[in-house]
Amino acid sequence: MSEENNLVLNSSQPSLGEIKIAPEVVEVIIGIAASQVEGVYSMHGSIANSFSKLFGRQDRKQGVKLAAAQNELKVDINVFLNYGVSVPKVAAAIQDKVAQQVLFMTGLNLASVDVHVQGVVPEKIEATVDPNNIFGEEKEDKK
C-alpha cells in the first residue's frame, strides 16, 4: 500500500515526528472488535475470504470497509448474527464497541459506523465424530 493512503495521527509531542497508520490496521481493529460482541456469529466476507479460511488463514478485516472522505472516517460492517438475539441491541453494541476500540487504540474518531446484518445463523450443531471410526464402519459392541 502506498504511504499516501496512511492515516496521520495527532501526536502529543509533535517535535518527535509523525505517526502514520495504514488503513488496514484500523480495519483489523474494527473487525476484531465487532466479532467480539456477544450475538455476532461471524463477519461477512467475500469469496476470496472464504477460500483463505479454507486454507487456515483468517482475515481479521473480513466484512469491514473503511472509507475516508473530507477528514471523516466512515465504516461499513457486514455481519451474521446468532438466531434469537435482538438485532437492534447487537447492532448498537457493535457500533459502541467499534467506535470505542478505534478511539482507544488510535485516537481516531469515526464519523459513522454502519452495521449491515447479512443473515441470521441458527445455533451450531456439533457433530460427534469418532476419529478412530470416521466412516462408521466399526459397530459398537453390544453388552
Protein backbone atom coordinates (compact mmCIF):
# COMPACT_ATOMS: atom_id res chain seq x y z
CA MET A 1 0.00 0.00 0.00
CA SER A 2 1.32 3.43 -0.78
CA GLU A 3 2.30 5.76 2.01
CA GLU A 4 -0.13 8.41 0.72
CA ASN A 5 -3.11 6.36 1.93
CA ASN A 6 -1.85 6.17 5.51
CA LEU A 7 -3.73 7.97 8.26
CA VAL A 8 -1.73 10.57 10.17
CA LEU A 9 -2.32 10.51 13.91
CA ASN A 10 -2.06 13.62 16.06
CA SER A 11 0.93 13.24 18.33
CA SER A 12 1.03 14.70 21.82
CA GLN A 13 4.68 15.57 21.19
CA PRO A 14 4.94 16.93 17.63
CA SER A 15 8.68 17.55 17.98
CA LEU A 16 9.34 13.79 17.95
CA GLY A 17 7.88 13.23 14.49
CA GLU A 18 4.82 12.00 12.69
CA ILE A 19 2.74 8.89 13.42
CA LYS A 20 1.19 7.15 10.42
CA ILE A 21 -1.08 4.14 10.46
CA ALA A 22 -2.22 2.05 7.50
CA PRO A 23 -5.99 1.87 6.94
CA GLU A 24 -5.72 -1.93 7.01
CA VAL A 25 -4.67 -1.73 10.66
CA VAL A 26 -7.81 0.21 11.53
CA GLU A 27 -9.89 -2.33 9.57
CA VAL A 28 -8.34 -5.18 11.59
CA ILE A 29 -9.10 -3.35 14.85
CA ILE A 30 -12.71 -2.87 13.71
CA GLY A 31 -13.07 -6.50 12.62
CA ILE A 32 -11.78 -7.89 15.90
CA ALA A 33 -13.90 -5.51 17.98
CA ALA A 34 -17.08 -6.32 16.04
CA SER A 35 -16.54 -10.08 16.18
CA GLN A 36 -16.12 -9.96 19.97
CA VAL A 37 -19.62 -8.57 20.53
CA GLU A 38 -21.97 -11.15 22.02
CA GLY A 39 -24.54 -12.22 19.45
CA VAL A 40 -22.24 -11.91 16.43
CA TYR A 41 -21.87 -15.27 14.70
CA SER A 42 -19.28 -14.17 12.14
CA MET A 43 -18.22 -11.41 9.84
CA HIS A 44 -19.42 -11.48 6.22
CA GLY A 45 -16.63 -11.58 3.68
CA SER A 46 -16.03 -12.15 0.01
CA ILE A 47 -15.39 -15.37 -1.89
CA ALA A 48 -11.65 -14.74 -1.55
CA ASN A 49 -12.06 -14.59 2.24
CA SER A 50 -13.88 -17.92 2.15
CA PHE A 51 -11.06 -19.56 0.19
CA SER A 52 -8.47 -18.13 2.57
CA LYS A 53 -10.44 -19.53 5.51
CA LEU A 54 -10.42 -22.99 3.90
CA PHE A 55 -6.64 -22.89 3.85
CA GLY A 56 -6.42 -21.90 7.50
CA ARG A 57 -5.79 -18.19 7.03
CA GLN A 58 -8.09 -15.89 8.93
CA ASP A 59 -8.70 -12.41 7.57
CA ARG A 60 -9.36 -10.17 10.57
CA LYS A 61 -10.66 -7.31 8.41
CA GLN A 62 -13.26 -9.52 6.76
CA GLY A 63 -16.62 -7.78 6.45
CA VAL A 64 -15.17 -4.32 7.14
CA LYS A 65 -14.96 -1.43 4.69
CA LEU A 66 -13.29 1.79 5.81
CA ALA A 67 -13.74 4.99 3.81
CA ALA A 68 -12.09 8.34 4.36
CA ALA A 69 -13.74 11.41 2.90
CA GLN A 70 -13.30 15.07 3.82
CA ASN A 71 -11.36 14.30 7.02
CA GLU A 72 -14.06 11.88 8.18
CA LEU A 73 -13.76 8.15 8.67
CA LYS A 74 -16.79 6.06 7.86
CA VAL A 75 -17.01 2.33 8.33
CA ASP A 76 -19.40 -0.32 7.00
CA ILE A 77 -19.54 -3.61 8.90
CA ASN A 78 -21.21 -6.72 7.45
CA VAL A 79 -22.13 -9.41 9.97
CA PHE A 80 -24.08 -12.60 10.53
CA LEU A 81 -25.88 -12.75 13.87
CA ASN A 82 -26.89 -15.67 16.06
CA TYR A 83 -30.54 -16.66 15.89
CA GLY A 84 -32.62 -15.34 18.78
CA VAL A 85 -30.65 -12.17 19.56
CA SER A 86 -32.11 -8.69 19.44
CA VAL A 87 -30.82 -7.29 16.16
CA PRO A 88 -31.04 -3.59 17.19
CA LYS A 89 -29.29 -4.26 20.52
CA VAL A 90 -26.46 -6.25 18.95
CA ALA A 91 -26.03 -3.69 16.16
CA ALA A 92 -25.87 -0.85 18.71
CA ALA A 93 -23.35 -2.84 20.76
CA ILE A 94 -21.22 -3.31 17.64
CA GLN A 95 -21.33 0.43 16.92
CA ASP A 96 -20.34 1.30 20.50
CA LYS A 97 -17.55 -1.27 20.78
CA VAL A 98 -16.04 -0.41 17.40
CA ALA A 99 -16.06 3.36 18.00
CA GLN A 100 -14.63 2.85 21.48
CA GLN A 101 -11.82 0.50 20.38
CA VAL A 102 -10.77 2.65 17.42
CA LEU A 103 -10.67 5.75 19.63
CA PHE A 104 -8.74 3.93 22.37
CA MET A 105 -6.20 2.27 20.09
CA THR A 106 -5.62 5.03 17.51
CA GLY A 107 -7.15 8.25 18.83
CA LEU A 108 -9.31 8.47 15.69
CA ASN A 109 -13.00 9.35 15.85
CA LEU A 110 -15.32 7.58 13.44
CA ALA A 111 -17.94 9.77 11.76
CA SER A 112 -20.29 6.82 11.24
CA VAL A 113 -20.41 3.10 11.95
CA ASP A 114 -22.98 1.44 9.69
CA VAL A 115 -23.88 -2.16 10.57
CA HIS A 116 -25.33 -4.36 7.82
CA VAL A 117 -26.85 -7.62 9.04
CA GLN A 118 -26.38 -10.10 6.20
CA GLY A 119 -28.14 -13.02 7.85
CA VAL A 120 -29.10 -14.91 10.97
CA VAL A 121 -27.50 -18.26 11.72
CA PRO A 122 -29.17 -20.94 13.86
CA GLU A 123 -27.29 -22.45 16.79
CA LYS A 124 -24.31 -24.58 15.89
CA ILE A 125 -24.98 -28.29 15.79
CA GLU A 126 -21.81 -30.02 16.80
CA ALA A 127 -21.26 -33.34 15.14
CA THR A 128 -19.77 -36.05 17.29
CA VAL A 129 -17.36 -37.99 15.12
CA ASP A 130 -15.10 -40.67 16.50
CA PRO A 131 -11.68 -40.03 14.92
CA ASN A 132 -10.95 -43.75 15.10
CA ASN A 133 -14.19 -44.61 13.28
CA ILE A 134 -14.74 -41.77 10.83
CA PHE A 135 -16.88 -43.69 8.34
CA GLY A 136 -18.92 -45.61 10.94
CA GLU A 137 -17.62 -48.97 9.74
CA GLU A 138 -16.96 -50.38 13.19
CA LYS A 139 -20.12 -51.25 15.07
CA GLU A 140 -20.26 -50.75 18.80
CA ASP A 141 -20.14 -53.99 20.79
CA LYS A 142 -23.43 -54.78 22.45
CA LYS A 143 -23.20 -55.94 26.03
